[in-house]
Amino acid sequence: MAKLMCSANTCVNNMNGLCSASTIDVHGIKAHSSNGTECETFAERGIRNALSNLTNMNIPGEIRQIFSGNSVEMSPRIRCQAINCSHNKGKECIARTVQMYGPGAVTSEGTECETFEEN
């Protein structure tokens, strides 16, 4: 699993710049750059989205993160549809570190995977 840093501060899964989801889905099947991708798992903060995302919480990762100090322990599985990305192997992201962008996003369309590198 990749260490995922995220600037989508309005996402229900964002915990201090880390992703608390167990699995995320990156879309962008026709992408040729990072702005053609998006985090389909994005859900705007709010009680309704918090409740609907409970089944995708990375609880073990969150617990390890609390006691980890400065290391990143909360790393989601990243399923990826961006087939033109060099980090995509069998629709899974194999990058060691992933940066998701989306400050101020209100939908998944306001996010993108900055780690995208075209084949």
PDB file of N, CA and C in Angstrom:
ATOM      1  N   MET A   1       0.835  -1.181   0.000  1.00  0.00           N
ATOM      2  CA  MET A   1       0.000   0.000   0.000  1.00  0.00           C
ATOM      3  C   MET A   1       0.876   1.240   0.000  1.00  0.00           C
ATOM      4  N   ALA A   2       0.421   2.254  -0.687  1.00  0.00           N
ATOM      5  CA  ALA A   2       1.174   3.500  -0.817  1.00  0.00           C
ATOM      6  C   ALA A   2       0.919   4.421   0.371  1.00  0.00           C
ATOM      7  N   LYS A   3       1.899   5.238   0.661  1.00  0.00           N
ATOM      8  CA  LYS A   3       1.710   6.319   1.618  1.00  0.00           C
ATOM      9  C   LYS A   3       1.012   7.425   0.842  1.00  0.00           C
ATOM     10  N   LEU A   4      -0.189   7.772   1.259  1.00  0.00           N
ATOM     11  CA  LEU A   4      -1.002   8.729   0.514  1.00  0.00           C
ATOM     12  C   LEU A   4      -1.155  10.014   1.305  1.00  0.00           C
ATOM     13  N   MET A   5      -0.691  11.097   0.716  1.00  0.00           N
ATOM     14  CA  MET A   5      -0.856  12.420   1.292  1.00  0.00           C
ATOM     15  C   MET A   5      -1.964  13.103   0.489  1.00  0.00           C
ATOM     16  N   CYS A   6      -2.817  13.869   1.171  1.00  0.00           N
ATOM     17  CA  CYS A   6      -3.983  14.432   0.496  1.00  0.00           C
ATOM     18  C   CYS A   6      -4.233  15.866   0.939  1.00  0.00           C
ATOM     19  N   SER A   7      -4.454  16.741  -0.047  1.00  0.00           N
ATOM     20  CA  SER A   7      -4.771  18.135   0.261  1.00  0.00           C
ATOM     21  C   SER A   7      -6.265  18.441   0.090  1.00  0.00           C
ATOM     22  N   ALA A   8      -7.084  17.414  -0.093  1.00  0.00           N
ATOM     23  CA  ALA A   8      -8.537  17.620  -0.205  1.00  0.00           C
ATOM     24  C   ALA A   8      -9.106  17.757   1.209  1.00  0.00           C
ATOM     25  N   ASN A   9      -8.896  18.924   1.795  1.00  0.00           N
ATOM     26  CA  ASN A   9      -9.261  19.165   3.191  1.00  0.00           C
ATOM     27  C   ASN A   9     -10.747  19.044   3.466  1.00  0.00           C
ATOM     28  N   THR A  10     -11.570  19.136   2.442  1.00  0.00           N
ATOM     29  CA  THR A  10     -13.019  19.056   2.620  1.00  0.00           C
ATOM     30  C   THR A  10     -13.527  17.618   2.534  1.00  0.00           C
ATOM     31  N   CYS A  11     -12.633  16.653   2.322  1.00  0.00           N
ATOM     32  CA  CYS A  11     -13.033  15.250   2.185  1.00  0.00           C
ATOM     33  C   CYS A  11     -13.221  14.608   3.556  1.00  0.00           C
ATOM     34  N   VAL A  12     -14.253  13.818   3.673  1.00  0.00           N
ATOM     35  CA  VAL A  12     -14.567  13.129   4.922  1.00  0.00           C
ATOM     36  C   VAL A  12     -13.450  12.153   5.321  1.00  0.00           C
ATOM     37  N   ASN A  13     -12.661  11.695   4.351  1.00  0.00           N
ATOM     38  CA  ASN A  13     -11.584  10.744   4.636  1.00  0.00           C
ATOM     39  C   ASN A  13     -10.258  11.412   4.985  1.00  0.00           C
ATOM     40  N   ASN A  14     -10.178  12.735   4.860  1.00  0.00           N
ATOM     41  CA  ASN A  14      -8.930  13.440   5.114  1.00  0.00           C
ATOM     42  C   ASN A  14      -8.745  13.669   6.611  1.00  0.00           C
ATOM     43  N   MET A  15      -7.661  13.114   7.149  1.00  0.00           N
ATOM     44  CA  MET A  15      -7.318  13.313   8.554  1.00  0.00           C
ATOM     45  C   MET A  15      -5.919  13.915   8.618  1.00  0.00           C
ATOM     46  N   ASN A  16      -5.883  15.222   8.760  1.00  0.00           N
ATOM     47  CA  ASN A  16      -4.609  15.947   8.851  1.00  0.00           C
ATOM     48  C   ASN A  16      -3.693  15.671   7.670  1.00  0.00           C
ATOM     49  N   GLY A  17      -4.263  15.620   6.478  1.00  0.00           N
ATOM     50  CA  GLY A  17      -3.472  15.421   5.271  1.00  0.00           C
ATOM     51  C   GLY A  17      -3.225  13.980   4.903  1.00  0.00           C
ATOM     52  N   LEU A  18      -3.739  13.043   5.687  1.00  0.00           N
ATOM     53  CA  LEU A  18      -3.633  11.618   5.383  1.00  0.00           C
ATOM     54  C   LEU A  18      -5.017  11.085   5.057  1.00  0.00           C
ATOM     55  N   CYS A  19      -5.077   9.978   4.329  1.00  0.00           N
ATOM     56  CA  CYS A  19      -6.354   9.401   3.929  1.00  0.00           C
ATOM     57  C   CYS A  19      -6.740   8.281   4.884  1.00  0.00           C
ATOM     58  N   SER A  20      -7.923   8.406   5.502  1.00  0.00           N
ATOM     59  CA  SER A  20      -8.384   7.401   6.456  1.00  0.00           C
ATOM     60  C   SER A  20      -9.214   6.295   5.801  1.00  0.00           C
ATOM     61  N   ALA A  21      -9.373   6.348   4.481  1.00  0.00           N
ATOM     62  CA  ALA A  21     -10.117   5.297   3.775  1.00  0.00           C
ATOM     63  C   ALA A  21      -9.261   4.033   3.697  1.00  0.00           C
ATOM     64  N   SER A  22      -9.896   2.911   3.694  1.00  0.00           N
ATOM     65  CA  SER A  22      -9.202   1.638   3.531  1.00  0.00           C
ATOM     66  C   SER A  22      -8.807   1.432   2.078  1.00  0.00           C
ATOM     67  N   THR A  23      -9.685   1.828   1.169  1.00  0.00           N
ATOM     68  CA  THR A  23      -9.455   1.700  -0.270  1.00  0.00           C
ATOM     69  C   THR A  23      -9.954   2.963  -0.952  1.00  0.00           C
ATOM     70  N   ILE A  24      -9.179   3.472  -1.926  1.00  0.00           N
ATOM     71  CA  ILE A  24      -9.668   4.578  -2.739  1.00  0.00           C
ATOM     72  C   ILE A  24      -9.648   4.154  -4.203  1.00  0.00           C
ATOM     73  N   ASP A  25     -10.462   4.831  -4.983  1.00  0.00           N
ATOM     74  CA  ASP A  25     -10.552   4.581  -6.419  1.00  0.00           C
ATOM     75  C   ASP A  25     -10.148   5.845  -7.165  1.00  0.00           C
ATOM     76  N   VAL A  26      -9.100   5.732  -7.977  1.00  0.00           N
ATOM     77  CA  VAL A  26      -8.666   6.841  -8.816  1.00  0.00           C
ATOM     78  C   VAL A  26      -9.183   6.579 -10.222  1.00  0.00           C
ATOM     79  N   HIS A  27      -9.921   7.540 -10.745  1.00  0.00           N
ATOM     80  CA  HIS A  27     -10.450   7.428 -12.103  1.00  0.00           C
ATOM     81  C   HIS A  27      -9.643   8.305 -13.046  1.00  0.00           C
ATOM     82  N   GLY A  28      -9.758   8.042 -14.321  1.00  0.00           N
ATOM     83  CA  GLY A  28      -9.037   8.799 -15.327  1.00  0.00           C
ATOM     84  C   GLY A  28      -8.550   7.892 -16.442  1.00  0.00           C
ATOM     85  N   ILE A  29      -9.438   7.048 -16.944  1.00  0.00           N
ATOM     86  CA  ILE A  29      -9.067   6.043 -17.939  1.00  0.00           C
ATOM     87  C   ILE A  29      -8.432   6.658 -19.189  1.00  0.00           C
ATOM     88  N   LYS A  30      -8.811   7.895 -19.537  1.00  0.00           N
ATOM     89  CA  LYS A  30      -8.248   8.548 -20.718  1.00  0.00           C
ATOM     90  C   LYS A  30      -7.204   9.606 -20.358  1.00  0.00           C
ATOM     91  N   ALA A  31      -6.796   9.666 -19.098  1.00  0.00           N
ATOM     92  CA  ALA A  31      -5.881  10.708 -18.628  1.00  0.00           C
ATOM     93  C   ALA A  31      -4.508  10.612 -19.290  1.00  0.00           C
ATOM     94  N   HIS A  32      -3.962  11.786 -19.597  1.00  0.00           N
ATOM     95  CA  HIS A  32      -2.594  11.892 -20.098  1.00  0.00           C
ATOM     96  C   HIS A  32      -1.777  12.809 -19.199  1.00  0.00           C
ATOM     97  N   SER A  33      -2.420  13.298 -18.136  1.00  0.00           N
ATOM     98  CA  SER A  33      -1.751  14.107 -17.121  1.00  0.00           C
ATOM     99  C   SER A  33      -2.574  14.017 -15.840  1.00  0.00           C
ATOM    100  N   SER A  34      -2.043  14.558 -14.761  1.00  0.00           N
ATOM    101  CA  SER A  34      -2.739  14.459 -13.482  1.00  0.00           C
ATOM    102  C   SER A  34      -4.103  15.146 -13.496  1.00  0.00           C
ATOM    103  N   ASN A  35      -4.266  16.205 -14.282  1.00  0.00           N
ATOM    104  CA  ASN A  35      -5.562  16.883 -14.267  1.00  0.00           C
ATOM    105  C   ASN A  35      -6.656  16.081 -14.978  1.00  0.00           C
ATOM    106  N   GLY A  36      -6.332  14.960 -15.553  1.00  0.00           N
ATOM    107  CA  GLY A  36      -7.330  14.064 -16.134  1.00  0.00           C
ATOM    108  C   GLY A  36      -7.749  12.965 -15.178  1.00  0.00           C
ATOM    109  N   THR A  37      -7.234  13.020 -13.950  1.00  0.00           N
ATOM    110  CA  THR A  37      -7.555  11.998 -12.943  1.00  0.00           C
ATOM    111  C   THR A  37      -8.430  12.610 -11.853  1.00  0.00           C
ATOM    112  N   GLU A  38      -9.044  11.768 -11.050  1.00  0.00           N
ATOM    113  CA  GLU A  38      -9.791  12.232  -9.881  1.00  0.00           C
ATOM    114  C   GLU A  38      -9.943  11.106  -8.877  1.00  0.00           C
ATOM    115  N   CYS A  39     -10.079  11.489  -7.621  1.00  0.00           N
ATOM    116  CA  CYS A  39     -10.310  10.526  -6.548  1.00  0.00           C
ATOM    117  C   CYS A  39     -11.810  10.298  -6.449  1.00  0.00           C
ATOM    118  N   GLU A  40     -12.263   9.200  -6.984  1.00  0.00           N
ATOM    119  CA  GLU A  40     -13.686   8.879  -7.010  1.00  0.00           C
ATOM    120  C   GLU A  40     -14.216   8.588  -5.604  1.00  0.00           C
ATOM    121  N   THR A  41     -13.343   8.330  -4.651  1.00  0.00           N
ATOM    122  CA  THR A  41     -13.742   8.037  -3.275  1.00  0.00           C
ATOM    123  C   THR A  41     -14.048   9.319  -2.501  1.00  0.00           C
ATOM    124  N   PHE A  42     -13.677  10.470  -3.045  1.00  0.00           N
ATOM    125  CA  PHE A  42     -13.925  11.742  -2.377  1.00  0.00           C
ATOM    126  C   PHE A  42     -15.390  11.860  -1.975  1.00  0.00           C
ATOM    127  N   ALA A  43     -15.609  12.299  -0.738  1.00  0.00           N
ATOM    128  CA  ALA A  43     -16.951  12.613  -0.240  1.00  0.00           C
ATOM    129  C   ALA A  43     -16.805  13.825   0.676  1.00  0.00           C
ATOM    130  N   GLU A  44     -17.573  14.859   0.406  1.00  0.00           N
ATOM    131  CA  GLU A  44     -17.473  16.086   1.192  1.00  0.00           C
ATOM    132  C   GLU A  44     -17.832  15.822   2.656  1.00  0.00           C
ATOM    133  N   ARG A  45     -17.124  16.490   3.546  1.00  0.00           N
ATOM    134  CA  ARG A  45     -17.376  16.338   4.990  1.00  0.00           C
ATOM    135  C   ARG A  45     -18.837  16.610   5.317  1.00  0.00           C
ATOM    136  N   GLY A  46     -19.345  15.840   6.250  1.00  0.00           N
ATOM    137  CA  GLY A  46     -20.722  15.991   6.724  1.00  0.00           C
ATOM    138  C   GLY A  46     -21.163  14.683   7.357  1.00  0.00           C
ATOM    139  N   ILE A  47     -22.145  14.756   8.207  1.00  0.00           N
ATOM    140  CA  ILE A  47     -22.594  13.577   8.944  1.00  0.00           C
ATOM    141  C   ILE A  47     -23.099  12.483   8.014  1.00  0.00           C
ATOM    142  N   ARG A  48     -23.816  12.858   6.972  1.00  0.00           N
ATOM    143  CA  ARG A  48     -24.360  11.858   6.040  1.00  0.00           C
ATOM    144  C   ARG A  48     -23.237  11.080   5.356  1.00  0.00           C
ATOM    145  N   ASN A  49     -22.237  11.805   4.821  1.00  0.00           N
ATOM    146  CA  ASN A  49     -21.112  11.138   4.156  1.00  0.00           C
ATOM    147  C   ASN A  49     -20.241  10.378   5.152  1.00  0.00           C
ATOM    148  N   ALA A  50     -20.100  10.896   6.360  1.00  0.00           N
ATOM    149  CA  ALA A  50     -19.329  10.186   7.380  1.00  0.00           C
ATOM    150  C   ALA A  50     -19.968   8.831   7.674  1.00  0.00           C
ATOM    151  N   LEU A  51     -21.269   8.806   7.808  1.00  0.00           N
ATOM    152  CA  LEU A  51     -21.974   7.546   8.081  1.00  0.00           C
ATOM    153  C   LEU A  51     -21.909   6.595   6.890  1.00  0.00           C
ATOM    154  N   SER A  52     -22.063   7.113   5.671  1.00  0.00           N
ATOM    155  CA  SER A  52     -22.059   6.233   4.496  1.00  0.00           C
ATOM    156  C   SER A  52     -20.661   5.712   4.174  1.00  0.00           C
ATOM    157  N   ASN A  53     -19.624   6.324   4.720  1.00  0.00           N
ATOM    158  CA  ASN A  53     -18.252   5.872   4.470  1.00  0.00           C
ATOM    159  C   ASN A  53     -17.676   5.035   5.604  1.00  0.00           C
ATOM    160  N   LEU A  54     -18.468   4.704   6.605  1.00  0.00           N
ATOM    161  CA  LEU A  54     -17.981   3.910   7.742  1.00  0.00           C
ATOM    162  C   LEU A  54     -17.405   2.563   7.317  1.00  0.00           C
ATOM    163  N   THR A  55     -17.981   1.938   6.320  1.00  0.00           N
ATOM    164  CA  THR A  55     -17.514   0.610   5.901  1.00  0.00           C
ATOM    165  C   THR A  55     -16.165   0.656   5.194  1.00  0.00           C
ATOM    166  N   ASN A  56     -15.704   1.843   4.808  1.00  0.00           N
ATOM    167  CA  ASN A  56     -14.421   1.979   4.121  1.00  0.00           C
ATOM    168  C   ASN A  56     -13.365   2.635   5.013  1.00  0.00           C
ATOM    169  N   MET A  57     -13.565   2.613   6.310  1.00  0.00           N
ATOM    170  CA  MET A  57     -12.596   3.210   7.234  1.00  0.00           C
ATOM    171  C   MET A  57     -11.437   2.257   7.485  1.00  0.00           C
ATOM    172  N   ASN A  58     -10.246   2.802   7.534  1.00  0.00           N
ATOM    173  CA  ASN A  58      -9.035   2.039   7.823  1.00  0.00           C
ATOM    174  C   ASN A  58      -8.761   2.138   9.327  1.00  0.00           C
ATOM    175  N   ILE A  59      -9.573   1.469  10.125  1.00  0.00           N
ATOM    176  CA  ILE A  59      -9.476   1.579  11.579  1.00  0.00           C
ATOM    177  C   ILE A  59      -8.120   1.106  12.101  1.00  0.00           C
ATOM    178  N   PRO A  60      -7.603  -0.057  11.661  1.00  0.00           N
ATOM    179  CA  PRO A  60      -6.264  -0.457  12.144  1.00  0.00           C
ATOM    180  C   PRO A  60      -5.196   0.584  11.799  1.00  0.00           C
ATOM    181  N   GLY A  61      -5.266   1.144  10.595  1.00  0.00           N
ATOM    182  CA  GLY A  61      -4.306   2.167  10.190  1.00  0.00           C
ATOM    183  C   GLY A  61      -4.436   3.423  11.024  1.00  0.00           C
ATOM    184  N   GLU A  62      -5.668   3.808  11.357  1.00  0.00           N
ATOM    185  CA  GLU A  62      -5.883   4.990  12.183  1.00  0.00           C
ATOM    186  C   GLU A  62      -5.303   4.788  13.576  1.00  0.00           C
ATOM    187  N   ILE A  63      -5.487   3.609  14.137  1.00  0.00           N
ATOM    188  CA  ILE A  63      -4.946   3.321  15.468  1.00  0.00           C
ATOM    189  C   ILE A  63      -3.418   3.344  15.440  1.00  0.00           C
ATOM    190  N   ARG A  64      -2.817   2.701  14.417  1.00  0.00           N
ATOM    191  CA  ARG A  64      -1.353   2.723  14.294  1.00  0.00           C
ATOM    192  C   ARG A  64      -0.851   4.151  14.116  1.00  0.00           C
ATOM    193  N   GLN A  65      -1.603   4.975  13.378  1.00  0.00           N
ATOM    194  CA  GLN A  65      -1.191   6.355  13.125  1.00  0.00           C
ATOM    195  C   GLN A  65      -1.138   7.162  14.413  1.00  0.00           C
ATOM    196  N   ILE A  66      -2.076   6.938  15.297  1.00  0.00           N
ATOM    197  CA  ILE A  66      -2.121   7.667  16.567  1.00  0.00           C
ATOM    198  C   ILE A  66      -0.828   7.477  17.351  1.00  0.00           C
ATOM    199  N   PHE A  67      -0.279   6.267  17.321  1.00  0.00           N
ATOM    200  CA  PHE A  67       0.897   5.947  18.114  1.00  0.00           C
ATOM    201  C   PHE A  67       2.207   5.983  17.329  1.00  0.00           C
ATOM    202  N   SER A  68       2.178   6.428  16.095  1.00  0.00           N
ATOM    203  CA  SER A  68       3.348   6.318  15.221  1.00  0.00           C
ATOM    204  C   SER A  68       4.338   7.468  15.296  1.00  0.00           C
ATOM    205  N   GLY A  69       3.983   8.559  15.929  1.00  0.00           N
ATOM    206  CA  GLY A  69       4.867   9.723  15.896  1.00  0.00           C
ATOM    207  C   GLY A  69       4.774  10.389  14.540  1.00  0.00           C
ATOM    208  N   ASN A  70       5.889  10.520  13.840  1.00  0.00           N
ATOM    209  CA  ASN A  70       5.900  11.224  12.561  1.00  0.00           C
ATOM    210  C   ASN A  70       5.790  10.326  11.341  1.00  0.00           C
ATOM    211  N   SER A  71       5.842   9.006  11.500  1.00  0.00           N
ATOM    212  CA  SER A  71       5.767   8.128  10.331  1.00  0.00           C
ATOM    213  C   SER A  71       4.327   7.983   9.851  1.00  0.00           C
ATOM    214  N   VAL A  72       4.162   7.676   8.567  1.00  0.00           N
ATOM    215  CA  VAL A  72       2.830   7.493   7.986  1.00  0.00           C
ATOM    216  C   VAL A  72       2.477   6.011   8.063  1.00  0.00           C
ATOM    217  N   GLU A  73       1.464   5.699   8.821  1.00  0.00           N
ATOM    218  CA  GLU A  73       1.005   4.318   8.999  1.00  0.00           C
ATOM    219  C   GLU A  73      -0.343   4.068   8.349  1.00  0.00           C
ATOM    220  N   MET A  74      -1.067   5.122   8.046  1.00  0.00           N
ATOM    221  CA  MET A  74      -2.426   5.010   7.529  1.00  0.00           C
ATOM    222  C   MET A  74      -2.376   5.089   6.005  1.00  0.00           C
ATOM    223  N   SER A  75      -2.234   3.948   5.350  1.00  0.00           N
ATOM    224  CA  SER A  75      -2.076   3.902   3.896  1.00  0.00           C
ATOM    225  C   SER A  75      -3.181   3.077   3.260  1.00  0.00           C
ATOM    226  N   PRO A  76      -3.957   3.686   2.375  1.00  0.00           N
ATOM    227  CA  PRO A  76      -5.045   2.934   1.736  1.00  0.00           C
ATOM    228  C   PRO A  76      -4.571   2.114   0.538  1.00  0.00           C
ATOM    229  N   ARG A  77      -5.355   1.143   0.197  1.00  0.00           N
ATOM    230  CA  ARG A  77      -5.181   0.441  -1.079  1.00  0.00           C
ATOM    231  C   ARG A  77      -5.673   1.403  -2.157  1.00  0.00           C
ATOM    232  N   ILE A  78      -4.957   1.509  -3.262  1.00  0.00           N
ATOM    233  CA  ILE A  78      -5.341   2.448  -4.311  1.00  0.00           C
ATOM    234  C   ILE A  78      -5.636   1.690  -5.595  1.00  0.00           C
ATOM    235  N   ARG A  79      -6.932   1.597  -5.913  1.00  0.00           N
ATOM    236  CA  ARG A  79      -7.350   1.017  -7.189  1.00  0.00           C
ATOM    237  C   ARG A  79      -7.309   2.141  -8.211  1.00  0.00           C
ATOM    238  N   CYS A  80      -6.779   1.864  -9.386  1.00  0.00           N
ATOM    239  CA  CYS A  80      -6.549   2.929 -10.345  1.00  0.00           C
ATOM    240  C   CYS A  80      -7.024   2.556 -11.746  1.00  0.00           C
ATOM    241  N   GLN A  81      -7.796   3.453 -12.337  1.00  0.00           N
ATOM    242  CA  GLN A  81      -8.284   3.278 -13.699  1.00  0.00           C
ATOM    243  C   GLN A  81      -7.451   4.059 -14.714  1.00  0.00           C
ATOM    244  N   ALA A  82      -6.450   4.813 -14.242  1.00  0.00           N
ATOM    245  CA  ALA A  82      -5.616   5.626 -15.129  1.00  0.00           C
ATOM    246  C   ALA A  82      -4.605   4.719 -15.839  1.00  0.00           C
ATOM    247  N   ILE A  83      -5.054   4.088 -16.921  1.00  0.00           N
ATOM    248  CA  ILE A  83      -4.241   3.069 -17.595  1.00  0.00           C
ATOM    249  C   ILE A  83      -2.990   3.634 -18.258  1.00  0.00           C
ATOM    250  N   ASN A  84      -2.944   4.939 -18.475  1.00  0.00           N
ATOM    251  CA  ASN A  84      -1.758   5.553 -19.074  1.00  0.00           C
ATOM    252  C   ASN A  84      -0.701   5.941 -18.046  1.00  0.00           C
ATOM    253  N   CYS A  85      -0.937   5.659 -16.782  1.00  0.00           N
ATOM    254  CA  CYS A  85       0.006   6.021 -15.721  1.00  0.00           C
ATOM    255  C   CYS A  85       1.038   4.920 -15.530  1.00  0.00           C
ATOM    256  N   SER A  86       2.285   5.319 -15.388  1.00  0.00           N
ATOM    257  CA  SER A  86       3.366   4.343 -15.213  1.00  0.00           C
ATOM    258  C   SER A  86       3.299   3.628 -13.865  1.00  0.00           C
ATOM    259  N   HIS A  87       2.551   4.160 -12.911  1.00  0.00           N
ATOM    260  CA  HIS A  87       2.410   3.529 -11.593  1.00  0.00           C
ATOM    261  C   HIS A  87       1.263   2.524 -11.546  1.00  0.00           C
ATOM    262  N   ASN A  88       0.502   2.413 -12.635  1.00  0.00           N
ATOM    263  CA  ASN A  88      -0.648   1.511 -12.677  1.00  0.00           C
ATOM    264  C   ASN A  88      -0.191   0.137 -13.151  1.00  0.00           C
ATOM    265  N   LYS A  89      -0.313  -0.832 -12.272  1.00  0.00           N
ATOM    266  CA  LYS A  89      -0.007  -2.224 -12.612  1.00  0.00           C
ATOM    267  C   LYS A  89      -1.215  -3.077 -12.255  1.00  0.00           C
ATOM    268  N   GLY A  90      -1.911  -3.544 -13.270  1.00  0.00           N
ATOM    269  CA  GLY A  90      -3.094  -4.375 -13.039  1.00  0.00           C
ATOM    270  C   GLY A  90      -4.194  -3.635 -12.305  1.00  0.00           C
ATOM    271  N   LYS A  91      -4.362  -2.350 -12.621  1.00  0.00           N
ATOM    272  CA  LYS A  91      -5.375  -1.490 -12.018  1.00  0.00           C
ATOM    273  C   LYS A  91      -5.156  -1.257 -10.525  1.00  0.00           C
ATOM    274  N   GLU A  92      -3.905  -1.370 -10.080  1.00  0.00           N
ATOM    275  CA  GLU A  92      -3.500  -1.050  -8.717  1.00  0.00           C
ATOM    276  C   GLU A  92      -2.325  -0.084  -8.804  1.00  0.00           C
ATOM    277  N   CYS A  93      -2.296   0.894  -7.915  1.00  0.00           N
ATOM    278  CA  CYS A  93      -1.192   1.854  -7.899  1.00  0.00           C
ATOM    279  C   CYS A  93      -0.020   1.242  -7.142  1.00  0.00           C
ATOM    280  N   ILE A  94       1.158   1.264  -7.772  1.00  0.00           N
ATOM    281  CA  ILE A  94       2.349   0.707  -7.126  1.00  0.00           C
ATOM    282  C   ILE A  94       3.334   1.798  -6.688  1.00  0.00           C
ATOM    283  N   ALA A  95       2.952   3.063  -6.806  1.00  0.00           N
ATOM    284  CA  ALA A  95       3.820   4.148  -6.340  1.00  0.00           C
ATOM    285  C   ALA A  95       3.996   4.026  -4.823  1.00  0.00           C
ATOM    286  N   ARG A  96       5.180   4.323  -4.340  1.00  0.00           N
ATOM    287  CA  ARG A  96       5.446   4.237  -2.897  1.00  0.00           C
ATOM    288  C   ARG A  96       4.775   5.367  -2.136  1.00  0.00           C
ATOM    289  N   THR A  97       4.716   6.531  -2.760  1.00  0.00           N
ATOM    290  CA  THR A  97       4.080   7.695  -2.146  1.00  0.00           C
ATOM    291  C   THR A  97       3.161   8.324  -3.185  1.00  0.00           C
ATOM    292  N   VAL A  98       1.947   8.657  -2.781  1.00  0.00           N
ATOM    293  CA  VAL A  98       0.956   9.240  -3.686  1.00  0.00           C
ATOM    294  C   VAL A  98       0.475  10.561  -3.093  1.00  0.00           C
ATOM    295  N   GLN A  99       0.361  11.561  -3.957  1.00  0.00           N
ATOM    296  CA  GLN A  99      -0.127  12.868  -3.537  1.00  0.00           C
ATOM    297  C   GLN A  99      -1.439  13.156  -4.258  1.00  0.00           C
ATOM    298  N   MET A 100      -2.520  13.224  -3.491  1.00  0.00           N
ATOM    299  CA  MET A 100      -3.813  13.605  -4.046  1.00  0.00           C
ATOM    300  C   MET A 100      -4.006  15.092  -3.796  1.00  0.00           C
ATOM    301  N   TYR A 101      -4.520  15.804  -4.805  1.00  0.00           N
ATOM    302  CA  TYR A 101      -4.706  17.246  -4.740  1.00  0.00           C
ATOM    303  C   TYR A 101      -6.195  17.560  -4.770  1.00  0.00           C
ATOM    304  N   GLY A 102      -6.601  18.562  -4.031  1.00  0.00           N
ATOM    305  CA  GLY A 102      -8.003  18.948  -4.067  1.00  0.00           C
ATOM    306  C   GLY A 102      -8.425  19.933  -3.004  1.00  0.00           C
ATOM    307  N   PRO A 103      -7.581  20.935  -2.685  1.00  0.00           N
ATOM    308  CA  PRO A 103      -8.033  21.904  -1.678  1.00  0.00           C
ATOM    309  C   PRO A 103      -9.293  22.618  -2.160  1.00  0.00           C
ATOM    310  N   GLY A 104     -10.292  22.660  -1.303  1.00  0.00           N
ATOM    311  CA  GLY A 104     -11.545  23.317  -1.661  1.00  0.00           C
ATOM    312  C   GLY A 104     -12.487  22.488  -2.504  1.00  0.00           C
ATOM    313  N   ALA A 105     -12.145  21.242  -2.781  1.00  0.00           N
ATOM    314  CA  ALA A 105     -13.015  20.389  -3.604  1.00  0.00           C
ATOM    315  C   ALA A 105     -14.367  20.183  -2.927  1.00  0.00           C
ATOM    316  N   VAL A 106     -15.409  20.136  -3.750  1.00  0.00           N
ATOM    317  CA  VAL A 106     -16.753  19.821  -3.241  1.00  0.00           C
ATOM    318  C   VAL A 106     -17.289  18.548  -3.896  1.00  0.00           C
ATOM    319  N   THR A 107     -16.620  18.096  -4.948  1.00  0.00           N
ATOM    320  CA  THR A 107     -16.937  16.823  -5.594  1.00  0.00           C
ATOM    321  C   THR A 107     -15.618  16.165  -5.990  1.00  0.00           C
ATOM    322  N   SER A 108     -15.682  14.936  -6.443  1.00  0.00           N
ATOM    323  CA  SER A 108     -14.470  14.235  -6.877  1.00  0.00           C
ATOM    324  C   SER A 108     -13.821  14.928  -8.071  1.00  0.00           C
ATOM    325  N   GLU A 109     -14.600  15.654  -8.846  1.00  0.00           N
ATOM    326  CA  GLU A 109     -14.054  16.360 -10.007  1.00  0.00           C
ATOM    327  C   GLU A 109     -13.080  17.471  -9.609  1.00  0.00           C
ATOM    328  N   GLY A 110     -13.089  17.878  -8.351  1.00  0.00           N
ATOM    329  CA  GLY A 110     -12.166  18.892  -7.855  1.00  0.00           C
ATOM    330  C   GLY A 110     -10.876  18.309  -7.319  1.00  0.00           C
ATOM    331  N   THR A 111     -10.672  17.002  -7.524  1.00  0.00           N
ATOM    332  CA  THR A 111      -9.475  16.332  -7.026  1.00  0.00           C
ATOM    333  C   THR A 111      -8.659  15.786  -8.196  1.00  0.00           C
ATOM    334  N   GLU A 112      -7.403  15.491  -7.951  1.00  0.00           N
ATOM    335  CA  GLU A 112      -6.579  14.829  -8.967  1.00  0.00           C
ATOM    336  C   GLU A 112      -5.389  14.161  -8.301  1.00  0.00           C
ATOM    337  N   CYS A 113      -4.842  13.183  -8.989  1.00  0.00           N
ATOM    338  CA  CYS A 113      -3.669  12.464  -8.505  1.00  0.00           C
ATOM    339  C   CYS A 113      -2.426  13.138  -9.080  1.00  0.00           C
ATOM    340  N   GLU A 114      -1.706  13.848  -8.224  1.00  0.00           N
ATOM    341  CA  GLU A 114      -0.500  14.557  -8.674  1.00  0.00           C
ATOM    342  C   GLU A 114       0.676  13.608  -8.929  1.00  0.00           C
ATOM    343  N   THR A 115       0.541  12.358  -8.544  1.00  0.00           N
ATOM    344  CA  THR A 115       1.611  11.385  -8.740  1.00  0.00           C
ATOM    345  C   THR A 115       1.584  10.799 -10.155  1.00  0.00           C
ATOM    346  N   PHE A 116       0.512  11.045 -10.885  1.00  0.00           N
ATOM    347  CA  PHE A 116       0.357  10.526 -12.242  1.00  0.00           C
ATOM    348  C   PHE A 116       1.597  10.830 -13.091  1.00  0.00           C
ATOM    349  N   GLU A 117       2.124   9.804 -13.750  1.00  0.00           N
ATOM    350  CA  GLU A 117       3.210   9.948 -14.708  1.00  0.00           C
ATOM    351  C   GLU A 117       2.843   9.115 -15.922  1.00  0.00           C
ATOM    352  N   GLU A 118       2.755   9.753 -17.071  1.00  0.00           N
ATOM    353  CA  GLU A 118       2.350   9.034 -18.275  1.00  0.00           C
ATOM    354  C   GLU A 118       3.409   8.024 -18.698  1.00  0.00           C
ATOM    355  N   ASN A 119       2.948   6.855 -19.170  1.00  0.00           N
ATOM    356  CA  ASN A 119       3.849   5.812 -19.665  1.00  0.00           C
ATOM    357  C   ASN A 119       4.700   6.340 -20.789  1.00  0.00           C
TER     358      ASN A 119
END
